[in-house]
Protein backbone atom coordinates (compact mmCIF):
# COMPACT_ATOMS: atom_id res chain seq x y z
CA MET A 1 -36.87 16.77 11.85
CA LYS A 2 -39.53 19.33 12.64
CA ASP A 3 -41.91 20.53 9.95
CA ILE A 4 -40.94 24.07 8.90
CA ASN A 5 -44.57 25.11 9.23
CA LYS A 6 -44.33 24.40 12.97
CA MET A 7 -41.04 26.24 13.59
CA ASN A 8 -40.80 29.76 14.93
CA ARG A 9 -38.60 32.37 13.23
CA VAL A 10 -35.58 31.71 15.48
CA GLU A 11 -35.72 27.97 14.81
CA LEU A 12 -36.09 28.61 11.06
CA LYS A 13 -33.06 30.91 11.03
CA ASP A 14 -30.96 28.42 13.00
CA HIS A 15 -32.02 25.56 10.77
CA MET A 16 -31.33 27.57 7.62
CA MET A 17 -27.86 28.56 8.85
CA SER A 18 -27.06 24.91 9.58
CA LEU A 19 -28.10 23.99 6.05
CA VAL A 20 -26.00 26.83 4.60
CA SER A 21 -23.00 25.58 6.57
CA GLU A 22 -23.60 22.00 5.37
CA ALA A 23 -23.92 23.14 1.74
CA ASN A 24 -20.74 25.22 1.94
CA TYR A 25 -18.78 22.34 3.45
CA ASN A 26 -19.99 19.90 0.81
CA LYS A 27 -19.04 22.32 -1.97
CA THR A 28 -15.42 21.95 -0.80
CA LEU A 29 -15.65 18.19 -1.44
CA ILE A 30 -16.58 18.53 -5.12
CA GLU A 31 -13.90 17.33 -7.51
CA LYS A 32 -13.69 17.00 -11.29
CA HIS A 33 -15.07 13.47 -11.33
CA ASP A 34 -17.05 10.97 -9.25
CA THR A 35 -18.73 13.59 -7.06
CA GLY A 36 -22.04 14.00 -8.86
CA HIS A 37 -23.86 12.74 -5.78
CA ILE A 38 -22.38 15.60 -3.77
CA ILE A 39 -23.48 18.12 -6.39
CA ASP A 40 -27.01 16.68 -6.22
CA TYR A 41 -26.96 16.84 -2.42
CA VAL A 42 -25.82 20.49 -2.43
CA SER A 43 -28.57 21.30 -4.91
CA ARG A 44 -31.20 19.76 -2.62
CA LEU A 45 -29.79 21.66 0.35
CA GLU A 46 -29.95 24.91 -1.61
CA ASP A 47 -33.58 24.20 -2.55
CA ARG A 48 -34.38 23.63 1.12
CA ILE A 49 -32.57 26.86 2.06
CA GLU A 50 -34.60 28.74 -0.53
CA SER A 51 -37.84 27.31 0.89
CA ILE A 52 -36.95 28.34 4.42
CA SER A 53 -35.82 31.76 3.25
CA ALA A 54 -39.18 32.25 1.54
CA CYS A 55 -40.93 31.35 4.80
CA LEU A 56 -38.88 33.93 6.67
CA VAL A 57 -39.67 36.63 4.13
CA SER A 58 -43.37 35.83 3.86
CA PRO A 59 -44.56 33.44 6.59
CA ASN A 60 -48.17 33.58 5.37
CA ASP A 61 -47.24 32.26 1.93
CA ILE A 62 -45.76 28.93 3.08
CA GLU A 63 -48.28 26.88 1.09
CA LYS A 64 -46.93 25.83 -2.27
CA LYS A 65 -49.05 25.74 -5.35
CA THR A 66 -50.03 22.21 -6.30
CA GLU A 67 -49.93 20.66 -9.73
CA ASP A 68 -53.70 20.22 -9.54
CA ASP A 69 -54.31 23.95 -9.13
CA PRO A 70 -51.21 26.00 -10.00
CA TYR A 71 -53.26 29.17 -9.53
CA LYS A 72 -54.24 28.44 -5.91
CA GLY A 73 -54.26 31.65 -3.94
CA THR A 74 -54.28 33.86 -7.01
CA ILE A 75 -57.01 35.92 -8.60
CA ILE A 76 -57.77 33.15 -11.12
CA GLU A 77 -57.99 30.29 -8.62
CA GLY A 78 -60.39 27.55 -9.65
CA LYS A 79 -61.18 29.07 -13.06
CA ASP A 80 -60.58 26.77 -16.01
């Protein structure tokens, strides 16, 4: 799988739509019991979709804030 930072907008959109389709299909498989793994999988897909969507909205803000410096890229970066 290609790194989302190296994909162009068309590839990101296509990839995101594939993930949306996969998430929607897996939601149809959820039953009242013994499908917790599917629920977890759908949740991870939705997190990935959200990440890609954020890249499409703001491609310059792809970097995520790290636990070491949660204020990276903000006005208070590096100030303790």
